[in-house]
Amino acid sequence: MAVEKFRKLRDCFASELPEEIPEQVESAELSWIDEVLSSFTGSGALTPKEIRLLVRNYLVVLDGVASLATTGDNSAWAELVAMAKMEHEQVFVFEIDINASPDACRRILAGLAISGNRYSMDLQVFTPIVVMLAQPNRRSEYYTIVADVARYLGIKIKTLPISAIVLASRKKADLLSNLQSGGYVDSLHMSNCEWLSSFLGPGSEKLSGTRPAK
């Protein structure tokens, strides 16, 4: 990995902010998170493989057990799978799509279908999540697909901006447990702001990418 990219990955886990993070999310921290997110776009941006590794590492920091699919393994049914220390078994299935394309929902559904048929697993143990840099605009087909999947299949695909993962790791918040009850947006309710504020604290609703672009 090039030196500059290594520095970007390192900076995603380091900052000059104090160790004790206040409940109220301050503007300084929001600015720091925006600086981290700049590593994902523009000249010298992280590659998809590096982004997947970074997201996996953040989940590990949050006391989860996370595993990435091997690059080029066409038999893998999920891109990234995580489990947390919870009372009931729950498997968190992640599809990382920086651009939040509608195909991310289709890929994650295909993976769940394969796991159900191949391993005879109950689909209720899965929490599917699409990780993105920012939520798509209001006219995107993404929201309609998510709503249809929930209506006809009873599966709620969660929407998770990378900024929320970064802040959760800073606050040592229980992200995976909160994803069971929150993180769902669709064509009628397009913003994650209320959910984020409830468990990451006031001010987190200002995180980049947590509401659809107009």
C-alpha atoms as a PDB file:
ATOM      1  CA  MET A   1       0.000   0.000   0.000  1.00  0.00           C
ATOM      2  CA  ALA A   2       1.316   3.438  -0.882  1.00  0.00           C
ATOM      3  CA  VAL A   3       2.635   5.560   1.975  1.00  0.00           C
ATOM      4  CA  GLU A   4      -0.038   8.231   1.499  1.00  0.00           C
ATOM      5  CA  LYS A   5      -2.841   5.676   1.667  1.00  0.00           C
ATOM      6  CA  PHE A   6      -1.315   4.125   4.767  1.00  0.00           C
ATOM      7  CA  ARG A   7      -1.363   7.561   6.396  1.00  0.00           C
ATOM      8  CA  LYS A   8      -5.026   7.999   5.525  1.00  0.00           C
ATOM      9  CA  LEU A   9      -5.918   4.667   7.097  1.00  0.00           C
ATOM     10  CA  ARG A  10      -3.856   5.543  10.167  1.00  0.00           C
ATOM     11  CA  ASP A  11      -5.547   8.921  10.480  1.00  0.00           C
ATOM     12  CA  CYS A  12      -8.947   7.211  10.508  1.00  0.00           C
ATOM     13  CA  PHE A  13      -8.027   5.748  13.894  1.00  0.00           C
ATOM     14  CA  ALA A  14      -6.202   8.733  15.384  1.00  0.00           C
ATOM     15  CA  SER A  15      -7.063  12.303  16.225  1.00  0.00           C
ATOM     16  CA  GLU A  16      -6.091  15.147  18.492  1.00  0.00           C
ATOM     17  CA  LEU A  17      -9.478  15.091  20.187  1.00  0.00           C
ATOM     18  CA  PRO A  18      -9.598  14.402  23.953  1.00  0.00           C
ATOM     19  CA  GLU A  19     -10.027  10.816  25.103  1.00  0.00           C
ATOM     20  CA  GLU A  20     -13.280  11.605  26.910  1.00  0.00           C
ATOM     21  CA  ILE A  21     -15.908  12.371  24.292  1.00  0.00           C
ATOM     22  CA  PRO A  22     -18.808  14.534  25.570  1.00  0.00           C
ATOM     23  CA  GLU A  23     -22.388  13.403  25.054  1.00  0.00           C
ATOM     24  CA  GLN A  24     -23.033  16.437  22.882  1.00  0.00           C
ATOM     25  CA  VAL A  25     -21.279  16.003  19.539  1.00  0.00           C
ATOM     26  CA  GLU A  26     -19.241  19.151  19.017  1.00  0.00           C
ATOM     27  CA  SER A  27     -18.452  20.884  15.726  1.00  0.00           C
ATOM     28  CA  ALA A  28     -14.739  20.061  16.142  1.00  0.00           C
ATOM     29  CA  GLU A  29     -15.501  16.384  16.102  1.00  0.00           C
ATOM     30  CA  LEU A  30     -17.834  16.708  13.121  1.00  0.00           C
ATOM     31  CA  SER A  31     -15.040  18.503  11.243  1.00  0.00           C
ATOM     32  CA  TRP A  32     -12.605  15.727  12.152  1.00  0.00           C
ATOM     33  CA  ILE A  33     -15.012  13.087  10.833  1.00  0.00           C
ATOM     34  CA  ASP A  34     -15.417  15.046   7.588  1.00  0.00           C
ATOM     35  CA  GLU A  35     -11.629  14.999   7.268  1.00  0.00           C
ATOM     36  CA  VAL A  36     -11.661  11.216   7.670  1.00  0.00           C
ATOM     37  CA  LEU A  37     -14.354  10.920   5.001  1.00  0.00           C
ATOM     38  CA  SER A  38     -12.205  12.893   2.561  1.00  0.00           C
ATOM     39  CA  SER A  39     -10.031   9.762   2.324  1.00  0.00           C
ATOM     40  CA  PHE A  40     -12.847   8.025   0.455  1.00  0.00           C
ATOM     41  CA  THR A  41     -13.105  10.403  -2.495  1.00  0.00           C
ATOM     42  CA  GLY A  42     -11.017  12.507  -4.822  1.00  0.00           C
ATOM     43  CA  SER A  43      -7.426  12.070  -5.877  1.00  0.00           C
ATOM     44  CA  GLY A  44      -5.661   9.205  -4.137  1.00  0.00           C
ATOM     45  CA  ALA A  45      -8.882   7.890  -2.605  1.00  0.00           C
ATOM     46  CA  LEU A  46      -8.889   4.569  -0.833  1.00  0.00           C
ATOM     47  CA  THR A  47      -9.625   1.567  -3.037  1.00  0.00           C
ATOM     48  CA  PRO A  48     -12.798  -0.520  -2.482  1.00  0.00           C
ATOM     49  CA  LYS A  49     -10.649  -3.230  -0.874  1.00  0.00           C
ATOM     50  CA  GLU A  50      -9.102  -0.724   1.540  1.00  0.00           C
ATOM     51  CA  ILE A  51     -12.515   0.703   2.411  1.00  0.00           C
ATOM     52  CA  ARG A  52     -13.852  -2.784   3.168  1.00  0.00           C
ATOM     53  CA  LEU A  53     -10.849  -3.433   5.414  1.00  0.00           C
ATOM     54  CA  LEU A  54     -11.351  -0.114   7.196  1.00  0.00           C
ATOM     55  CA  VAL A  55     -15.047  -0.789   7.880  1.00  0.00           C
ATOM     56  CA  ARG A  56     -14.179  -4.278   9.154  1.00  0.00           C
ATOM     57  CA  ASN A  57     -11.593  -2.818  11.525  1.00  0.00           C
ATOM     58  CA  TYR A  58     -14.054  -0.282  12.875  1.00  0.00           C
ATOM     59  CA  LEU A  59     -16.499  -3.097  13.666  1.00  0.00           C
ATOM     60  CA  VAL A  60     -13.754  -4.998  15.478  1.00  0.00           C
ATOM     61  CA  VAL A  61     -12.998  -1.876  17.532  1.00  0.00           C
ATOM     62  CA  LEU A  62     -16.669  -1.895  18.538  1.00  0.00           C
ATOM     63  CA  ASP A  63     -16.235  -5.350  20.143  1.00  0.00           C
ATOM     64  CA  GLY A  64     -17.746  -7.188  17.237  1.00  0.00           C
ATOM     65  CA  VAL A  65     -16.444 -10.288  15.483  1.00  0.00           C
ATOM     66  CA  ALA A  66     -16.157  -9.323  11.824  1.00  0.00           C
ATOM     67  CA  SER A  67     -14.996 -11.276   8.785  1.00  0.00           C
ATOM     68  CA  LEU A  68     -14.376 -10.124   5.222  1.00  0.00           C
ATOM     69  CA  ALA A  69     -14.921 -12.270   2.168  1.00  0.00           C
ATOM     70  CA  THR A  70     -11.739 -13.198   0.352  1.00  0.00           C
ATOM     71  CA  THR A  71     -11.213 -11.058  -2.731  1.00  0.00           C
ATOM     72  CA  GLY A  72     -12.165 -13.035  -5.825  1.00  0.00           C
ATOM     73  CA  ASP A  73     -14.105 -15.687  -3.891  1.00  0.00           C
ATOM     74  CA  ASN A  74     -17.256 -16.029  -5.983  1.00  0.00           C
ATOM     75  CA  SER A  75     -18.746 -18.537  -3.556  1.00  0.00           C
ATOM     76  CA  ALA A  76     -18.882 -16.013  -0.705  1.00  0.00           C
ATOM     77  CA  TRP A  77     -22.491 -15.153   0.110  1.00  0.00           C
ATOM     78  CA  ALA A  78     -21.680 -11.876   1.871  1.00  0.00           C
ATOM     79  CA  GLU A  79     -19.089  -9.128   1.545  1.00  0.00           C
ATOM     80  CA  LEU A  80     -18.722  -8.583   5.287  1.00  0.00           C
ATOM     81  CA  VAL A  81     -20.310 -10.438   8.202  1.00  0.00           C
ATOM     82  CA  ALA A  82     -20.230  -9.405  11.860  1.00  0.00           C
ATOM     83  CA  MET A  83     -21.550 -10.775  15.132  1.00  0.00           C
ATOM     84  CA  ALA A  84     -21.841  -9.074  18.506  1.00  0.00           C
ATOM     85  CA  LYS A  85     -22.065 -10.250  22.096  1.00  0.00           C
ATOM     86  CA  MET A  86     -25.834 -10.355  22.440  1.00  0.00           C
ATOM     87  CA  GLU A  87     -28.414 -12.432  24.260  1.00  0.00           C
ATOM     88  CA  HIS A  88     -29.876 -13.781  21.034  1.00  0.00           C
ATOM     89  CA  GLU A  89     -27.853 -14.904  18.025  1.00  0.00           C
ATOM     90  CA  GLN A  90     -27.799 -12.229  15.370  1.00  0.00           C
ATOM     91  CA  VAL A  91     -25.729 -12.049  12.201  1.00  0.00           C
ATOM     92  CA  PHE A  92     -25.082  -8.622  10.683  1.00  0.00           C
ATOM     93  CA  VAL A  93     -24.572  -8.778   6.935  1.00  0.00           C
ATOM     94  CA  PHE A  94     -22.901  -5.758   5.330  1.00  0.00           C
ATOM     95  CA  GLU A  95     -22.794  -4.668   1.714  1.00  0.00           C
ATOM     96  CA  ILE A  96     -20.372  -1.774   1.239  1.00  0.00           C
ATOM     97  CA  ASP A  97     -21.397   0.495  -1.609  1.00  0.00           C
ATOM     98  CA  ILE A  98     -19.921   3.987  -1.366  1.00  0.00           C
ATOM     99  CA  ASN A  99     -22.301   5.333  -4.013  1.00  0.00           C
ATOM    100  CA  ALA A 100     -25.411   3.715  -2.461  1.00  0.00           C
ATOM    101  CA  SER A 101     -26.608   2.186  -5.711  1.00  0.00           C
ATOM    102  CA  PRO A 102     -29.885   0.217  -5.820  1.00  0.00           C
ATOM    103  CA  ASP A 103     -27.853  -2.853  -6.795  1.00  0.00           C
ATOM    104  CA  ALA A 104     -26.476  -2.963  -3.243  1.00  0.00           C
ATOM    105  CA  CYS A 105     -29.915  -4.034  -2.011  1.00  0.00           C
ATOM    106  CA  ARG A 106     -30.185  -6.697  -4.708  1.00  0.00           C
ATOM    107  CA  ARG A 107     -26.744  -8.104  -3.888  1.00  0.00           C
ATOM    108  CA  ILE A 108     -27.437  -8.328  -0.181  1.00  0.00           C
ATOM    109  CA  LEU A 109     -30.775 -10.068  -0.811  1.00  0.00           C
ATOM    110  CA  ALA A 110     -29.075 -12.565  -3.128  1.00  0.00           C
ATOM    111  CA  GLY A 111     -26.583 -13.314  -0.369  1.00  0.00           C
ATOM    112  CA  LEU A 112     -29.319 -13.917   2.186  1.00  0.00           C
ATOM    113  CA  ALA A 113     -31.105 -16.271  -0.217  1.00  0.00           C
ATOM    114  CA  ILE A 114     -27.911 -18.250  -0.776  1.00  0.00           C
ATOM    115  CA  SER A 115     -27.183 -18.527   2.960  1.00  0.00           C
ATOM    116  CA  GLY A 116     -30.723 -19.671   3.662  1.00  0.00           C
ATOM    117  CA  ASN A 117     -30.586 -22.391   1.017  1.00  0.00           C
ATOM    118  CA  ARG A 118     -26.976 -23.453   1.548  1.00  0.00           C
ATOM    119  CA  TYR A 119     -26.919 -23.502   5.351  1.00  0.00           C
ATOM    120  CA  SER A 120     -30.651 -23.813   6.147  1.00  0.00           C
ATOM    121  CA  MET A 121     -30.455 -20.664   8.266  1.00  0.00           C
ATOM    122  CA  ASP A 122     -33.512 -18.781   9.455  1.00  0.00           C
ATOM    123  CA  LEU A 123     -33.553 -15.376   7.754  1.00  0.00           C
ATOM    124  CA  GLN A 124     -34.748 -13.805  11.010  1.00  0.00           C
ATOM    125  CA  VAL A 125     -31.222 -14.087  12.463  1.00  0.00           C
ATOM    126  CA  PHE A 126     -29.871 -11.729   9.795  1.00  0.00           C
ATOM    127  CA  THR A 127     -29.725  -7.946   9.931  1.00  0.00           C
ATOM    128  CA  PRO A 128     -28.813  -6.709   6.419  1.00  0.00           C
ATOM    129  CA  ILE A 129     -27.008  -3.369   6.209  1.00  0.00           C
ATOM    130  CA  VAL A 130     -25.848  -1.240   3.288  1.00  0.00           C
ATOM    131  CA  VAL A 131     -22.847   0.940   4.183  1.00  0.00           C
ATOM    132  CA  MET A 132     -22.400   4.101   2.122  1.00  0.00           C
ATOM    133  CA  LEU A 133     -20.571   7.406   2.111  1.00  0.00           C
ATOM    134  CA  ALA A 134     -23.828   9.364   1.925  1.00  0.00           C
ATOM    135  CA  GLN A 135     -27.482   8.562   1.446  1.00  0.00           C
ATOM    136  CA  PRO A 136     -28.682   8.819  -2.164  1.00  0.00           C
ATOM    137  CA  ASN A 137     -30.884  11.670  -3.304  1.00  0.00           C
ATOM    138  CA  ARG A 138     -34.636  11.606  -2.781  1.00  0.00           C
ATOM    139  CA  ARG A 139     -35.362  10.500  -6.338  1.00  0.00           C
ATOM    140  CA  SER A 140     -33.163   7.406  -6.096  1.00  0.00           C
ATOM    141  CA  GLU A 141     -34.711   3.996  -6.683  1.00  0.00           C
ATOM    142  CA  TYR A 142     -32.845   2.838  -3.572  1.00  0.00           C
ATOM    143  CA  TYR A 143     -35.576   3.943  -1.153  1.00  0.00           C
ATOM    144  CA  THR A 144     -38.357   2.311  -3.150  1.00  0.00           C
ATOM    145  CA  ILE A 145     -36.488  -1.003  -3.283  1.00  0.00           C
ATOM    146  CA  VAL A 146     -35.876  -0.942   0.480  1.00  0.00           C
ATOM    147  CA  ALA A 147     -39.573  -0.247   1.109  1.00  0.00           C
ATOM    148  CA  ASP A 148     -40.701  -3.042  -1.252  1.00  0.00           C
ATOM    149  CA  VAL A 149     -38.329  -5.551   0.380  1.00  0.00           C
ATOM    150  CA  ALA A 150     -39.757  -4.713   3.810  1.00  0.00           C
ATOM    151  CA  ARG A 151     -43.341  -4.868   2.558  1.00  0.00           C
ATOM    152  CA  TYR A 152     -43.221  -8.078   0.536  1.00  0.00           C
ATOM    153  CA  LEU A 153     -40.403 -10.051   2.180  1.00  0.00           C
ATOM    154  CA  GLY A 154     -40.533  -8.749   5.736  1.00  0.00           C
ATOM    155  CA  ILE A 155     -36.805  -7.920   5.644  1.00  0.00           C
ATOM    156  CA  LYS A 156     -35.669  -4.467   6.721  1.00  0.00           C
ATOM    157  CA  ILE A 157     -32.432  -3.446   5.019  1.00  0.00           C
ATOM    158  CA  LYS A 158     -30.653  -0.917   7.206  1.00  0.00           C
ATOM    159  CA  THR A 159     -28.857   2.136   5.805  1.00  0.00           C
ATOM    160  CA  LEU A 160     -25.606   3.125   7.515  1.00  0.00           C
ATOM    161  CA  PRO A 161     -23.415   6.098   6.524  1.00  0.00           C
ATOM    162  CA  ILE A 162     -19.706   5.581   7.197  1.00  0.00           C
ATOM    163  CA  SER A 163     -19.681   8.752   9.312  1.00  0.00           C
ATOM    164  CA  ALA A 164     -21.930   6.986  11.848  1.00  0.00           C
ATOM    165  CA  ILE A 165     -19.485   4.065  12.096  1.00  0.00           C
ATOM    166  CA  VAL A 166     -16.600   6.470  12.692  1.00  0.00           C
ATOM    167  CA  LEU A 167     -18.444   8.358  15.448  1.00  0.00           C
ATOM    168  CA  ALA A 168     -19.703   5.152  17.075  1.00  0.00           C
ATOM    169  CA  SER A 169     -16.132   3.884  17.330  1.00  0.00           C
ATOM    170  CA  ARG A 170     -15.023   7.185  18.880  1.00  0.00           C
ATOM    171  CA  LYS A 171     -17.787   6.993  21.467  1.00  0.00           C
ATOM    172  CA  LYS A 172     -17.465   3.231  21.948  1.00  0.00           C
ATOM    173  CA  ALA A 173     -21.195   3.033  21.257  1.00  0.00           C
ATOM    174  CA  ASP A 174     -23.064  -0.243  20.843  1.00  0.00           C
ATOM    175  CA  LEU A 175     -23.609   0.158  17.121  1.00  0.00           C
ATOM    176  CA  LEU A 176     -24.583  -3.408  16.236  1.00  0.00           C
ATOM    177  CA  SER A 177     -27.250  -3.712  18.932  1.00  0.00           C
ATOM    178  CA  ASN A 178     -28.707  -0.368  17.908  1.00  0.00           C
ATOM    179  CA  LEU A 179     -28.848  -1.482  14.288  1.00  0.00           C
ATOM    180  CA  GLN A 180     -31.385  -4.114  15.277  1.00  0.00           C
ATOM    181  CA  SER A 181     -33.944  -1.461  16.160  1.00  0.00           C
ATOM    182  CA  GLY A 182     -32.790   1.479  14.060  1.00  0.00           C
ATOM    183  CA  GLY A 183     -31.044   2.521  10.885  1.00  0.00           C
ATOM    184  CA  TYR A 184     -34.025   1.870   8.617  1.00  0.00           C
ATOM    185  CA  VAL A 185     -34.947   4.428   5.979  1.00  0.00           C
ATOM    186  CA  ASP A 186     -37.309   4.100   3.029  1.00  0.00           C
ATOM    187  CA  SER A 187     -39.379   6.157   0.600  1.00  0.00           C
ATOM    188  CA  LEU A 188     -41.578   7.502   3.418  1.00  0.00           C
ATOM    189  CA  HIS A 189     -38.915   8.087   6.066  1.00  0.00           C
ATOM    190  CA  MET A 190     -35.629   9.025   4.420  1.00  0.00           C
ATOM    191  CA  SER A 191     -33.529  10.379   7.285  1.00  0.00           C
ATOM    192  CA  ASN A 192     -31.380   8.560   9.846  1.00  0.00           C
ATOM    193  CA  CYS A 193     -30.938  11.708  11.940  1.00  0.00           C
ATOM    194  CA  GLU A 194     -33.440  10.944  14.720  1.00  0.00           C
ATOM    195  CA  TRP A 195     -32.095   7.425  15.240  1.00  0.00           C
ATOM    196  CA  LEU A 196     -28.468   8.593  15.307  1.00  0.00           C
ATOM    197  CA  SER A 197     -29.211  11.346  17.797  1.00  0.00           C
ATOM    198  CA  SER A 198     -30.944   8.869  20.113  1.00  0.00           C
ATOM    199  CA  PHE A 199     -27.890   6.667  20.624  1.00  0.00           C
ATOM    200  CA  LEU A 200     -24.892   8.774  19.579  1.00  0.00           C
ATOM    201  CA  GLY A 201     -26.026  11.931  21.313  1.00  0.00           C
ATOM    202  CA  PRO A 202     -27.304  15.380  20.311  1.00  0.00           C
ATOM    203  CA  GLY A 203     -25.423  16.853  17.401  1.00  0.00           C
ATOM    204  CA  SER A 204     -24.871  13.522  15.653  1.00  0.00           C
ATOM    205  CA  GLU A 205     -27.793  14.297  13.370  1.00  0.00           C
ATOM    206  CA  LYS A 206     -25.413  16.778  11.694  1.00  0.00           C
ATOM    207  CA  LEU A 207     -23.096  13.997  10.535  1.00  0.00           C
ATOM    208  CA  SER A 208     -22.330  13.971   6.834  1.00  0.00           C
ATOM    209  CA  GLY A 209     -24.410  11.635   4.718  1.00  0.00           C
ATOM    210  CA  THR A 210     -27.208  10.984   7.212  1.00  0.00           C
ATOM    211  CA  ARG A 211     -29.972  12.532   5.123  1.00  0.00           C
ATOM    212  CA  PRO A 212     -30.764  12.325   1.416  1.00  0.00           C
ATOM    213  CA  ALA A 213     -29.462  14.922  -0.966  1.00  0.00           C
ATOM    214  CA  LYS A 214     -32.202  17.012  -2.575  1.00  0.00           C
END
